Amino acid sequence: METRSLPARVHGRYLVEAAGRPPGAPLLVGFHGYGEAAELHLEALRGLPGAESLVLVAVQSLHLFYTRAREVVGSWMTRVLREETIADNVAYAASVVAAVRSEFAPGGPLVYLGFSQGTSMAYRAAALAGHEARGVIALCGDLPPELAEDRGLRLPPVLMARGARDDWFTAEKMERDLAALRARGVPARGLTFEGGHEWSPEFYAAAGEFLCEAIRDP
């Protein structure tokens, strides 16, 4: 048996909350975790301090499946066709940001946020999607290995957070990723909060402060 691959056109969906925001409002683009939907992620983004002044975008992954409860959720990628899927996802993220900028947020500062599996997307979008970003917020997820190995990696400031009881994104993984970013000159700070693999009040407070710093006029 021989395996071949070819590009195929698919449609992605993203949710935007922009009502009442002025032109040039800051743009926060979020990527959900494994087995989640954009609606759940948008609800989480709404809990951030100052969210009402941001254009909020929750990007739904391209790869969808049903749960046993018949809910539609998604995954960003698997190990099959990994490199091709990374390229597809980065192009998709770039297109989403371009579309939202054109329609809702022309010229506003941009920050990416990812939760769990979505943190890899936030890092990749900031590094590779071609839109200048002011910050990356990475909650309970790690730095993709191909970026960690890139000696010329360029990223904006990063807030990395995990719960003290998170058995997946461990303290060792966070320290490894912080060291990799700092070795490449990326301003990176870490936060360990009381909790597990989740959004927590302590995280929300720290993320709100980080956002204020990131979107402040230079």
N, C-alpha and C. Protein backbone atom coordinates (compact mmCIF):
# COMPACT_ATOMS: atom_id res chain seq x y z
N MET A 1 0.84 -1.19 0.00
CA MET A 1 0.00 0.00 0.00
C MET A 1 0.87 1.24 0.00
N GLU A 2 0.52 2.23 -0.77
CA GLU A 2 1.20 3.53 -0.80
C GLU A 2 0.20 4.61 -0.42
N THR A 3 0.70 5.58 0.30
CA THR A 3 -0.15 6.68 0.76
C THR A 3 0.17 7.94 -0.02
N ARG A 4 -0.85 8.62 -0.44
CA ARG A 4 -0.72 9.91 -1.13
C ARG A 4 -1.58 10.93 -0.40
N SER A 5 -1.26 12.19 -0.60
CA SER A 5 -2.11 13.25 -0.05
C SER A 5 -2.28 14.34 -1.10
N LEU A 6 -3.38 15.07 -1.00
CA LEU A 6 -3.62 16.21 -1.88
C LEU A 6 -4.46 17.23 -1.13
N PRO A 7 -4.35 18.49 -1.52
CA PRO A 7 -5.14 19.52 -0.84
C PRO A 7 -6.62 19.39 -1.19
N ALA A 8 -7.47 19.68 -0.22
CA ALA A 8 -8.92 19.64 -0.43
C ALA A 8 -9.53 20.89 0.19
N ARG A 9 -10.46 21.50 -0.51
CA ARG A 9 -11.08 22.72 0.01
C ARG A 9 -12.12 22.36 1.07
N VAL A 10 -12.03 23.00 2.22
CA VAL A 10 -13.02 22.84 3.28
C VAL A 10 -13.42 24.23 3.79
N HIS A 11 -14.54 24.30 4.47
CA HIS A 11 -14.99 25.55 5.06
C HIS A 11 -14.85 25.49 6.58
N GLY A 12 -14.38 26.59 7.15
CA GLY A 12 -14.29 26.71 8.60
C GLY A 12 -15.26 27.78 9.08
N ARG A 13 -15.60 27.71 10.35
CA ARG A 13 -16.50 28.70 10.93
C ARG A 13 -15.84 29.36 12.14
N TYR A 14 -16.18 30.60 12.36
CA TYR A 14 -15.66 31.31 13.53
C TYR A 14 -16.76 32.23 14.04
N LEU A 15 -16.75 32.47 15.33
CA LEU A 15 -17.75 33.31 15.97
C LEU A 15 -17.11 34.65 16.31
N VAL A 16 -17.84 35.73 16.05
CA VAL A 16 -17.35 37.08 16.31
C VAL A 16 -18.33 37.81 17.21
N GLU A 17 -17.81 38.46 18.23
CA GLU A 17 -18.61 39.34 19.07
C GLU A 17 -18.00 40.73 19.01
N ALA A 18 -18.68 41.62 18.29
CA ALA A 18 -18.10 42.94 18.04
C ALA A 18 -19.09 44.08 18.25
N ALA A 19 -20.31 43.78 18.67
CA ALA A 19 -21.33 44.82 18.81
C ALA A 19 -20.88 45.87 19.82
N GLY A 20 -20.98 47.13 19.43
CA GLY A 20 -20.66 48.23 20.31
C GLY A 20 -19.19 48.58 20.39
N ARG A 21 -18.33 47.78 19.74
CA ARG A 21 -16.90 48.10 19.75
C ARG A 21 -16.62 49.15 18.68
N PRO A 22 -15.77 50.14 19.00
CA PRO A 22 -15.45 51.17 18.01
C PRO A 22 -14.47 50.64 16.97
N PRO A 23 -14.37 51.29 15.82
CA PRO A 23 -13.34 50.91 14.83
C PRO A 23 -11.96 50.99 15.46
N GLY A 24 -11.13 50.01 15.17
CA GLY A 24 -9.80 49.99 15.75
C GLY A 24 -9.75 49.37 17.13
N ALA A 25 -10.85 48.75 17.58
CA ALA A 25 -10.84 48.07 18.88
C ALA A 25 -9.86 46.91 18.87
N PRO A 26 -9.26 46.58 20.00
CA PRO A 26 -8.35 45.44 20.05
C PRO A 26 -9.05 44.14 19.66
N LEU A 27 -8.28 43.25 19.09
CA LEU A 27 -8.80 41.98 18.58
C LEU A 27 -8.19 40.83 19.37
N LEU A 28 -9.06 40.00 19.97
CA LEU A 28 -8.62 38.81 20.70
C LEU A 28 -9.13 37.58 19.95
N VAL A 29 -8.20 36.78 19.45
CA VAL A 29 -8.55 35.60 18.66
C VAL A 29 -8.22 34.36 19.49
N GLY A 30 -9.24 33.53 19.73
CA GLY A 30 -9.07 32.38 20.60
C GLY A 30 -9.25 31.05 19.88
N PHE A 31 -8.54 30.03 20.38
CA PHE A 31 -8.58 28.68 19.83
C PHE A 31 -8.95 27.71 20.95
N HIS A 32 -10.00 26.94 20.74
CA HIS A 32 -10.54 26.06 21.77
C HIS A 32 -9.69 24.81 21.97
N GLY A 33 -10.02 24.06 23.01
CA GLY A 33 -9.32 22.82 23.31
C GLY A 33 -9.92 21.63 22.58
N TYR A 34 -9.27 20.47 22.76
CA TYR A 34 -9.73 19.24 22.12
C TYR A 34 -11.14 18.88 22.59
N GLY A 35 -11.98 18.50 21.64
CA GLY A 35 -13.33 18.07 21.99
C GLY A 35 -14.25 19.20 22.40
N GLU A 36 -13.92 20.42 22.02
CA GLU A 36 -14.75 21.57 22.36
C GLU A 36 -15.29 22.24 21.09
N ALA A 37 -16.23 23.15 21.30
CA ALA A 37 -16.81 23.92 20.21
C ALA A 37 -16.53 25.40 20.42
N ALA A 38 -16.64 26.16 19.33
CA ALA A 38 -16.35 27.59 19.39
C ALA A 38 -17.28 28.31 20.36
N GLU A 39 -18.53 27.85 20.48
CA GLU A 39 -19.47 28.50 21.38
C GLU A 39 -18.99 28.46 22.83
N LEU A 40 -18.48 27.33 23.25
CA LEU A 40 -17.95 27.20 24.60
C LEU A 40 -16.75 28.11 24.80
N HIS A 41 -15.90 28.19 23.79
CA HIS A 41 -14.70 29.02 23.91
C HIS A 41 -15.07 30.50 23.96
N LEU A 42 -16.03 30.91 23.15
CA LEU A 42 -16.45 32.31 23.18
C LEU A 42 -16.99 32.68 24.55
N GLU A 43 -17.74 31.79 25.17
CA GLU A 43 -18.26 32.05 26.51
C GLU A 43 -17.11 32.23 27.49
N ALA A 44 -16.05 31.44 27.35
CA ALA A 44 -14.88 31.59 28.23
C ALA A 44 -14.19 32.92 27.98
N LEU A 45 -14.07 33.34 26.74
CA LEU A 45 -13.43 34.62 26.42
C LEU A 45 -14.20 35.78 27.03
N ARG A 46 -15.52 35.67 27.07
CA ARG A 46 -16.35 36.74 27.63
C ARG A 46 -16.04 37.00 29.10
N GLY A 47 -15.47 36.01 29.80
CA GLY A 47 -15.16 36.17 31.21
C GLY A 47 -13.90 36.95 31.49
N LEU A 48 -13.12 37.29 30.47
CA LEU A 48 -11.88 38.03 30.67
C LEU A 48 -12.18 39.47 31.06
N PRO A 49 -11.44 40.04 32.02
CA PRO A 49 -11.63 41.44 32.35
C PRO A 49 -11.42 42.33 31.13
N GLY A 50 -12.35 43.24 30.89
CA GLY A 50 -12.25 44.13 29.75
C GLY A 50 -12.71 43.54 28.44
N ALA A 51 -13.29 42.33 28.46
CA ALA A 51 -13.70 41.67 27.22
C ALA A 51 -14.73 42.49 26.45
N GLU A 52 -15.53 43.27 27.17
CA GLU A 52 -16.57 44.04 26.49
C GLU A 52 -16.00 45.11 25.56
N SER A 53 -14.72 45.44 25.70
CA SER A 53 -14.10 46.44 24.83
C SER A 53 -13.27 45.81 23.72
N LEU A 54 -13.24 44.49 23.67
CA LEU A 54 -12.46 43.77 22.66
C LEU A 54 -13.37 43.16 21.62
N VAL A 55 -12.88 43.08 20.39
CA VAL A 55 -13.54 42.25 19.39
C VAL A 55 -13.11 40.81 19.68
N LEU A 56 -14.06 39.97 20.05
CA LEU A 56 -13.76 38.59 20.44
C LEU A 56 -14.02 37.65 19.27
N VAL A 57 -13.09 36.76 19.01
CA VAL A 57 -13.22 35.78 17.94
C VAL A 57 -12.90 34.40 18.50
N ALA A 58 -13.83 33.48 18.33
CA ALA A 58 -13.60 32.08 18.70
C ALA A 58 -13.57 31.26 17.42
N VAL A 59 -12.42 30.68 17.12
CA VAL A 59 -12.23 29.95 15.86
C VAL A 59 -12.55 28.47 16.10
N GLN A 60 -13.43 27.93 15.26
CA GLN A 60 -13.74 26.50 15.34
C GLN A 60 -12.75 25.71 14.49
N SER A 61 -12.22 24.64 15.05
CA SER A 61 -11.28 23.81 14.30
C SER A 61 -11.94 23.23 13.05
N LEU A 62 -11.13 22.88 12.07
CA LEU A 62 -11.64 22.37 10.80
C LEU A 62 -12.08 20.91 10.89
N HIS A 63 -11.62 20.20 11.91
CA HIS A 63 -11.86 18.76 11.99
C HIS A 63 -12.89 18.49 13.07
N LEU A 64 -14.13 18.18 12.65
CA LEU A 64 -15.27 18.06 13.54
C LEU A 64 -15.67 16.61 13.74
N PHE A 65 -16.29 16.33 14.89
CA PHE A 65 -16.81 15.00 15.15
C PHE A 65 -17.93 15.09 16.18
N TYR A 66 -18.72 14.03 16.27
CA TYR A 66 -19.81 13.97 17.24
C TYR A 66 -19.33 13.34 18.55
N THR A 67 -19.83 13.88 19.65
CA THR A 67 -19.66 13.21 20.93
C THR A 67 -20.75 12.13 21.06
N ARG A 68 -20.68 11.35 22.11
CA ARG A 68 -21.72 10.35 22.34
C ARG A 68 -23.07 11.00 22.60
N ALA A 69 -23.04 12.26 23.04
CA ALA A 69 -24.29 13.00 23.25
C ALA A 69 -24.74 13.70 21.98
N ARG A 70 -24.09 13.41 20.87
CA ARG A 70 -24.43 13.96 19.54
C ARG A 70 -24.17 15.46 19.45
N GLU A 71 -23.28 15.96 20.28
CA GLU A 71 -22.83 17.35 20.14
C GLU A 71 -21.68 17.39 19.15
N VAL A 72 -21.60 18.46 18.37
CA VAL A 72 -20.54 18.62 17.40
C VAL A 72 -19.39 19.38 18.05
N VAL A 73 -18.23 18.76 18.08
CA VAL A 73 -17.03 19.36 18.67
C VAL A 73 -15.87 19.17 17.69
N GLY A 74 -14.70 19.64 18.06
CA GLY A 74 -13.60 19.58 17.11
C GLY A 74 -12.25 19.27 17.71
N SER A 75 -11.31 18.99 16.82
CA SER A 75 -9.91 18.76 17.15
C SER A 75 -9.07 19.50 16.12
N TRP A 76 -7.94 20.02 16.56
CA TRP A 76 -7.09 20.77 15.64
C TRP A 76 -6.26 19.88 14.74
N MET A 77 -5.83 18.73 15.24
CA MET A 77 -5.03 17.85 14.40
C MET A 77 -4.75 16.54 15.12
N THR A 78 -4.26 15.56 14.35
CA THR A 78 -3.75 14.31 14.90
C THR A 78 -2.34 14.12 14.34
N ARG A 79 -1.76 12.97 14.59
CA ARG A 79 -0.42 12.72 14.06
C ARG A 79 -0.44 12.37 12.56
N VAL A 80 -1.62 12.09 12.00
CA VAL A 80 -1.73 11.77 10.58
C VAL A 80 -1.66 13.07 9.77
N LEU A 81 -0.79 13.09 8.75
CA LEU A 81 -0.57 14.28 7.91
C LEU A 81 -0.29 15.52 8.78
N ARG A 82 0.55 15.35 9.75
CA ARG A 82 0.79 16.41 10.73
C ARG A 82 1.28 17.70 10.09
N GLU A 83 2.32 17.63 9.28
CA GLU A 83 2.89 18.84 8.71
C GLU A 83 1.91 19.53 7.77
N GLU A 84 1.18 18.73 6.96
CA GLU A 84 0.21 19.32 6.06
C GLU A 84 -0.92 20.00 6.84
N THR A 85 -1.34 19.37 7.94
CA THR A 85 -2.41 19.95 8.74
C THR A 85 -1.97 21.23 9.43
N ILE A 86 -0.74 21.27 9.90
CA ILE A 86 -0.22 22.51 10.48
C ILE A 86 -0.30 23.64 9.47
N ALA A 87 0.15 23.39 8.26
CA ALA A 87 0.11 24.43 7.22
C ALA A 87 -1.33 24.85 6.93
N ASP A 88 -2.24 23.88 6.86
CA ASP A 88 -3.65 24.21 6.62
C ASP A 88 -4.21 25.07 7.75
N ASN A 89 -3.90 24.70 8.99
CA ASN A 89 -4.43 25.44 10.13
C ASN A 89 -3.86 26.85 10.23
N VAL A 90 -2.59 27.01 9.92
CA VAL A 90 -1.99 28.35 9.95
C VAL A 90 -2.61 29.23 8.88
N ALA A 91 -2.81 28.69 7.68
CA ALA A 91 -3.45 29.45 6.61
C ALA A 91 -4.88 29.83 6.98
N TYR A 92 -5.58 28.90 7.62
CA TYR A 92 -6.94 29.14 8.08
C TYR A 92 -6.97 30.27 9.11
N ALA A 93 -6.08 30.23 10.10
CA ALA A 93 -6.03 31.28 11.11
C ALA A 93 -5.72 32.62 10.47
N ALA A 94 -4.80 32.64 9.52
CA ALA A 94 -4.46 33.89 8.84
C ALA A 94 -5.67 34.46 8.12
N SER A 95 -6.45 33.60 7.47
CA SER A 95 -7.64 34.05 6.75
C SER A 95 -8.70 34.59 7.70
N VAL A 96 -8.87 33.94 8.85
CA VAL A 96 -9.84 34.42 9.83
C VAL A 96 -9.46 35.81 10.32
N VAL A 97 -8.21 36.00 10.69
CA VAL A 97 -7.77 37.31 11.19
C VAL A 97 -7.94 38.37 10.11
N ALA A 98 -7.57 38.05 8.88
CA ALA A 98 -7.72 39.02 7.79
C ALA A 98 -9.18 39.41 7.60
N ALA A 99 -10.08 38.43 7.65
CA ALA A 99 -11.49 38.71 7.45
C ALA A 99 -12.06 39.56 8.58
N VAL A 100 -11.70 39.23 9.82
CA VAL A 100 -12.22 39.97 10.97
C VAL A 100 -11.64 41.37 11.00
N ARG A 101 -10.36 41.50 10.70
CA ARG A 101 -9.75 42.84 10.64
C ARG A 101 -10.48 43.70 9.62
N SER A 102 -10.74 43.16 8.46
CA SER A 102 -11.37 43.92 7.39
C SER A 102 -12.78 44.37 7.77
N GLU A 103 -13.51 43.49 8.45
CA GLU A 103 -14.92 43.78 8.74
C GLU A 103 -15.14 44.50 10.06
N PHE A 104 -14.38 44.14 11.10
CA PHE A 104 -14.69 44.62 12.44
C PHE A 104 -13.57 45.38 13.14
N ALA A 105 -12.31 45.08 12.85
CA ALA A 105 -11.22 45.58 13.69
C ALA A 105 -10.05 46.09 12.85
N PRO A 106 -10.27 47.06 11.98
CA PRO A 106 -9.16 47.56 11.18
C PRO A 106 -8.12 48.26 12.04
N GLY A 107 -6.90 47.75 12.01
CA GLY A 107 -5.80 48.43 12.70
C GLY A 107 -5.72 48.20 14.18
N GLY A 108 -6.66 47.48 14.78
CA GLY A 108 -6.61 47.27 16.22
C GLY A 108 -5.52 46.29 16.60
N PRO A 109 -4.93 46.44 17.80
CA PRO A 109 -3.90 45.49 18.24
C PRO A 109 -4.48 44.09 18.38
N LEU A 110 -3.65 43.09 18.12
CA LEU A 110 -4.07 41.70 18.06
C LEU A 110 -3.38 40.87 19.15
N VAL A 111 -4.17 40.05 19.84
CA VAL A 111 -3.64 39.09 20.82
C VAL A 111 -4.28 37.74 20.51
N TYR A 112 -3.49 36.68 20.62
CA TYR A 112 -3.99 35.31 20.44
C TYR A 112 -4.09 34.63 21.80
N LEU A 113 -5.11 33.79 21.94
CA LEU A 113 -5.27 33.00 23.16
C LEU A 113 -5.64 31.57 22.79
N GLY A 114 -5.01 30.61 23.45
CA GLY A 114 -5.34 29.22 23.22
C GLY A 114 -5.51 28.47 24.52
N PHE A 115 -6.45 27.53 24.53
CA PHE A 115 -6.66 26.67 25.69
C PHE A 115 -6.38 25.22 25.30
N SER A 116 -5.59 24.52 26.13
CA SER A 116 -5.30 23.11 25.94
C SER A 116 -4.72 22.87 24.54
N GLN A 117 -5.34 22.02 23.72
CA GLN A 117 -4.80 21.77 22.38
C GLN A 117 -4.73 23.05 21.55
N GLY A 118 -5.60 24.01 21.85
CA GLY A 118 -5.61 25.27 21.11
C GLY A 118 -4.41 26.16 21.37
N THR A 119 -3.63 25.90 22.43
CA THR A 119 -2.46 26.73 22.66
C THR A 119 -1.45 26.60 21.52
N SER A 120 -1.32 25.41 20.97
CA SER A 120 -0.41 25.24 19.83
C SER A 120 -0.82 26.12 18.67
N MET A 121 -2.14 26.24 18.46
CA MET A 121 -2.62 27.11 17.40
C MET A 121 -2.32 28.57 17.68
N ALA A 122 -2.46 28.99 18.94
CA ALA A 122 -2.16 30.38 19.28
C ALA A 122 -0.69 30.69 19.02
N TYR A 123 0.20 29.78 19.42
CA TYR A 123 1.63 29.98 19.15
C TYR A 123 1.90 30.01 17.65
N ARG A 124 1.35 29.05 16.92
CA ARG A 124 1.62 28.98 15.48
C ARG A 124 1.07 30.19 14.75
N ALA A 125 -0.12 30.63 15.13
CA ALA A 125 -0.69 31.81 14.48
C ALA A 125 0.19 33.04 14.71
N ALA A 126 0.64 33.21 15.95
CA ALA A 126 1.48 34.37 16.25
C ALA A 126 2.80 34.33 15.51
N ALA A 127 3.36 33.14 15.33
CA ALA A 127 4.67 33.01 14.70
C ALA A 127 4.62 32.96 13.19
N LEU A 128 3.52 32.42 12.63
CA LEU A 128 3.54 32.05 11.22
C LEU A 128 2.41 32.63 10.37
N ALA A 129 1.36 33.17 10.97
CA ALA A 129 0.19 33.57 10.19
C ALA A 129 0.33 34.91 9.49
N GLY A 130 1.38 35.65 9.82
CA GLY A 130 1.65 36.87 9.06
C GLY A 130 0.96 38.12 9.56
N HIS A 131 0.29 38.07 10.70
CA HIS A 131 -0.33 39.25 11.30
C HIS A 131 0.42 39.60 12.58
N GLU A 132 0.90 40.82 12.67
CA GLU A 132 1.66 41.22 13.86
C GLU A 132 0.79 41.12 15.10
N ALA A 133 1.26 40.42 16.10
CA ALA A 133 0.52 40.24 17.34
C ALA A 133 1.24 40.91 18.49
N ARG A 134 0.47 41.35 19.46
CA ARG A 134 1.02 41.99 20.65
C ARG A 134 1.26 41.01 21.79
N GLY A 135 0.63 39.83 21.72
CA GLY A 135 0.78 38.89 22.82
C GLY A 135 0.17 37.54 22.50
N VAL A 136 0.59 36.55 23.27
CA VAL A 136 0.04 35.20 23.23
C VAL A 136 -0.29 34.78 24.66
N ILE A 137 -1.51 34.30 24.87
CA ILE A 137 -1.92 33.75 26.16
C ILE A 137 -2.12 32.26 25.96
N ALA A 138 -1.33 31.46 26.68
CA ALA A 138 -1.34 30.01 26.52
C ALA A 138 -1.79 29.37 27.82
N LEU A 139 -3.00 28.79 27.82
CA LEU A 139 -3.58 28.21 29.03
C LEU A 139 -3.61 26.69 28.92
N CYS A 140 -2.86 26.04 29.79
CA CYS A 140 -2.90 24.57 29.93
C CYS A 140 -2.51 23.84 28.65
N GLY A 141 -1.52 24.36 27.95
CA GLY A 141 -1.06 23.69 26.75
C GLY A 141 0.36 24.08 26.41
N ASP A 142 1.03 23.24 25.62
CA ASP A 142 2.46 23.43 25.44
C ASP A 142 2.83 24.09 24.12
N LEU A 143 4.08 24.49 24.06
CA LEU A 143 4.68 25.08 22.87
C LEU A 143 4.91 23.97 21.85
N PRO A 144 4.46 24.13 20.59
CA PRO A 144 4.66 23.06 19.60
C PRO A 144 6.14 22.75 19.42
N PRO A 145 6.49 21.48 19.25
CA PRO A 145 7.90 21.11 19.17
C PRO A 145 8.65 21.76 18.01
N GLU A 146 7.96 21.94 16.87
CA GLU A 146 8.67 22.53 15.74
C GLU A 146 9.02 24.00 15.99
N LEU A 147 8.23 24.69 16.83
CA LEU A 147 8.57 26.06 17.19
C LEU A 147 9.65 26.07 18.28
N ALA A 148 9.56 25.14 19.21
CA ALA A 148 10.58 25.06 20.26
C ALA A 148 11.97 24.82 19.69
N GLU A 149 12.02 24.12 18.58
CA GLU A 149 13.31 23.80 17.96
C GLU A 149 13.80 24.88 17.00
N ASP A 150 12.97 25.88 16.73
CA ASP A 150 13.31 26.93 15.78
C ASP A 150 14.19 27.98 16.46
N ARG A 151 15.46 28.01 16.10
CA ARG A 151 16.38 28.95 16.75
C ARG A 151 16.07 30.40 16.40
N GLY A 152 15.38 30.62 15.28
CA GLY A 152 15.04 31.98 14.89
C GLY A 152 13.62 32.37 15.24
N LEU A 153 13.01 31.65 16.16
CA LEU A 153 11.62 31.88 16.52
C LEU A 153 11.41 33.32 16.99
N ARG A 154 10.36 33.94 16.44
CA ARG A 154 9.99 35.29 16.85
C ARG A 154 8.54 35.27 17.32
N LEU A 155 8.34 35.66 18.56
CA LEU A 155 7.01 35.71 19.15
C LEU A 155 6.89 36.97 19.98
N PRO A 156 5.66 37.47 20.15
CA PRO A 156 5.44 38.58 21.08
C PRO A 156 5.48 38.08 22.51
N PRO A 157 5.31 38.94 23.49
CA PRO A 157 5.28 38.49 24.88
C PRO A 157 4.24 37.40 25.11
N VAL A 158 4.56 36.47 26.00
CA VAL A 158 3.72 35.30 26.25
C VAL A 158 3.37 35.21 27.72
N LEU A 159 2.09 34.95 28.00
CA LEU A 159 1.65 34.54 29.33
C LEU A 159 1.29 33.07 29.25
N MET A 160 1.97 32.25 30.04
CA MET A 160 1.77 30.81 30.06
C MET A 160 1.20 30.42 31.42
N ALA A 161 0.12 29.65 31.44
CA ALA A 161 -0.52 29.33 32.72
C ALA A 161 -0.94 27.87 32.77
N ARG A 162 -0.92 27.33 33.99
CA ARG A 162 -1.36 25.96 34.23
C ARG A 162 -1.94 25.85 35.63
N GLY A 163 -2.78 24.85 35.83
CA GLY A 163 -3.27 24.56 37.16
C GLY A 163 -2.31 23.65 37.90
N ALA A 164 -2.21 23.83 39.20
CA ALA A 164 -1.27 23.05 40.00
C ALA A 164 -1.60 21.56 39.97
N ARG A 165 -2.86 21.22 39.70
CA ARG A 165 -3.27 19.81 39.65
C ARG A 165 -3.46 19.31 38.22
N ASP A 166 -2.91 20.03 37.26
CA ASP A 166 -3.02 19.62 35.86
C ASP A 166 -2.01 18.51 35.58
N ASP A 167 -2.52 17.31 35.30
CA ASP A 167 -1.64 16.17 35.04
C ASP A 167 -1.18 16.10 33.59
N TRP A 168 -1.76 16.94 32.72
CA TRP A 168 -1.36 16.91 31.32
C TRP A 168 -0.29 17.96 31.03
N PHE A 169 -0.60 19.23 31.27
CA PHE A 169 0.41 20.27 31.11
C PHE A 169 1.09 20.45 32.46
N THR A 170 2.14 19.67 32.67
CA THR A 170 2.79 19.58 33.97
C THR A 170 3.71 20.77 34.23
N ALA A 171 4.16 20.87 35.48
CA ALA A 171 5.11 21.91 35.84
C ALA A 171 6.40 21.77 35.03
N GLU A 172 6.82 20.54 34.78
CA GLU A 172 8.04 20.30 34.01
C GLU A 172 7.88 20.81 32.58
N LYS A 173 6.73 20.57 31.99
CA LYS A 173 6.49 21.05 30.62
C LYS A 173 6.48 22.57 30.57
N MET A 174 5.86 23.20 31.56
CA MET A 174 5.82 24.65 31.54
C MET A 174 7.21 25.24 31.71
N GLU A 175 8.00 24.70 32.61
CA GLU A 175 9.36 25.21 32.79
C GLU A 175 10.19 25.01 31.54
N ARG A 176 10.01 23.86 30.88
CA ARG A 176 10.72 23.60 29.62
C ARG A 176 10.35 24.63 28.57
N ASP A 177 9.06 24.92 28.43
CA ASP A 177 8.61 25.87 27.41
C ASP A 177 9.04 27.29 27.75
N LEU A 178 8.96 27.67 29.01
CA LEU A 178 9.42 29.00 29.40
C LEU A 178 10.90 29.17 29.08
N ALA A 179 11.70 28.14 29.38
CA ALA A 179 13.13 28.21 29.11
C ALA A 179 13.40 28.32 27.61
N ALA A 180 12.65 27.57 26.79
CA ALA A 180 12.84 27.62 25.34
C ALA A 180 12.51 29.00 24.79
N LEU A 181 11.44 29.60 25.28
CA LEU A 181 11.06 30.93 24.80
C LEU A 181 12.08 31.98 25.24
N ARG A 182 12.45 31.94 26.50
CA ARG A 182 13.40 32.94 27.01
C ARG A 182 14.75 32.82 26.33
N ALA A 183 15.16 31.60 25.99
CA ALA A 183 16.44 31.41 25.30
C ALA A 183 16.43 32.05 23.92
N ARG A 184 15.24 32.27 23.37
CA ARG A 184 15.11 32.89 22.06
C ARG A 184 14.72 34.36 22.16
N GLY A 185 14.81 34.89 23.36
CA GLY A 185 14.57 36.32 23.57
C GLY A 185 13.12 36.70 23.65
N VAL A 186 12.22 35.73 23.84
CA VAL A 186 10.79 36.03 23.94
C VAL A 186 10.46 36.36 25.39
N PRO A 187 9.87 37.52 25.66
CA PRO A 187 9.45 37.83 27.03
C PRO A 187 8.31 36.88 27.43
N ALA A 188 8.57 36.01 28.38
CA ALA A 188 7.58 34.99 28.76
C ALA A 188 7.48 34.92 30.27
N ARG A 189 6.25 34.90 30.74
CA ARG A 189 6.01 34.77 32.17
C ARG A 189 5.11 33.56 32.41
N GLY A 190 5.28 32.91 33.56
CA GLY A 190 4.49 31.74 33.89
C GLY A 190 3.61 31.98 35.10
N LEU A 191 2.47 31.32 35.11
CA LEU A 191 1.54 31.40 36.23
C LEU A 191 1.06 29.99 36.56
N THR A 192 1.16 29.62 37.82
CA THR A 192 0.57 28.37 38.30
C THR A 192 -0.53 28.73 39.29
N PHE A 193 -1.76 28.32 38.98
CA PHE A 193 -2.89 28.67 39.81
C PHE A 193 -3.45 27.42 40.50
N GLU A 194 -4.26 27.63 41.50
CA GLU A 194 -4.91 26.52 42.19
C GLU A 194 -6.01 25.97 41.30
N GLY A 195 -5.87 24.72 40.93
CA GLY A 195 -6.86 24.12 40.04
C GLY A 195 -6.23 23.08 39.15
N GLY A 196 -6.97 22.68 38.13
CA GLY A 196 -6.51 21.66 37.22
C GLY A 196 -6.43 22.16 35.80
N HIS A 197 -6.90 21.34 34.87
CA HIS A 197 -6.88 21.66 33.44
C HIS A 197 -8.14 22.47 33.13
N GLU A 198 -8.09 23.75 33.42
CA GLU A 198 -9.31 24.56 33.42
C GLU A 198 -8.99 26.06 33.39
N TRP A 199 -10.05 26.84 33.16
CA TRP A 199 -10.00 28.28 33.32
C TRP A 199 -10.30 28.57 34.79
N SER A 200 -9.53 29.44 35.41
CA SER A 200 -9.73 29.71 36.83
C SER A 200 -9.80 31.22 37.07
N PRO A 201 -10.39 31.64 38.21
CA PRO A 201 -10.42 33.07 38.52
C PRO A 201 -9.04 33.71 38.54
N GLU A 202 -8.06 32.99 39.09
CA GLU A 202 -6.70 33.55 39.14
C GLU A 202 -6.14 33.74 37.73
N PHE A 203 -6.41 32.78 36.86
CA PHE A 203 -5.98 32.93 35.48
C PHE A 203 -6.66 34.13 34.83
N TYR A 204 -7.96 34.26 35.01
CA TYR A 204 -8.69 35.37 34.40
C TYR A 204 -8.08 36.71 34.83
N ALA A 205 -7.77 36.85 36.10
CA ALA A 205 -7.19 38.10 36.58
C ALA A 205 -5.85 38.37 35.93
N ALA A 206 -4.98 37.35 35.87
CA ALA A 206 -3.65 37.54 35.26
C ALA A 206 -3.76 37.81 33.77
N ALA A 207 -4.68 37.11 33.10
CA ALA A 207 -4.85 37.33 31.67
C ALA A 207 -5.38 38.73 31.39
N GLY A 208 -6.25 39.23 32.26
CA GLY A 208 -6.75 40.59 32.10
C GLY A 208 -5.63 41.63 32.20
N GLU A 209 -4.74 41.44 33.16
CA GLU A 209 -3.61 42.36 33.30
C GLU A 209 -2.69 42.28 32.09
N PHE A 210 -2.44 41.05 31.63
CA PHE A 210 -1.59 40.86 30.46
C PHE A 210 -2.19 41.53 29.23
N LEU A 211 -3.49 41.38 29.04
CA LEU A 211 -4.16 42.00 27.90
C LEU A 211 -4.04 43.52 27.95
N CYS A 212 -4.23 44.09 29.13
CA CYS A 212 -4.11 45.55 29.26
C CYS A 212 -2.73 46.03 28.84
N GLU A 213 -1.70 45.30 29.26
CA GLU A 213 -0.34 45.66 28.87
C GLU A 213 -0.13 45.49 27.37
N ALA A 214 -0.67 44.40 26.82
CA ALA A 214 -0.42 44.08 25.42
C ALA A 214 -1.07 45.07 24.47
N ILE A 215 -2.28 45.51 24.79
CA ILE A 215 -3.01 46.35 23.85
C ILE A 215 -2.79 47.84 24.10
N ARG A 216 -2.06 48.17 25.16
CA ARG A 216 -1.77 49.57 25.44
C ARG A 216 -0.94 50.15 24.30
N ASP A 217 -1.24 51.38 23.94
CA ASP A 217 -0.49 52.03 22.86
C ASP A 217 0.98 52.08 23.21
N PRO A 218 1.86 51.68 22.27
CA PRO A 218 3.30 51.68 22.56
C PRO A 218 3.85 53.09 22.70
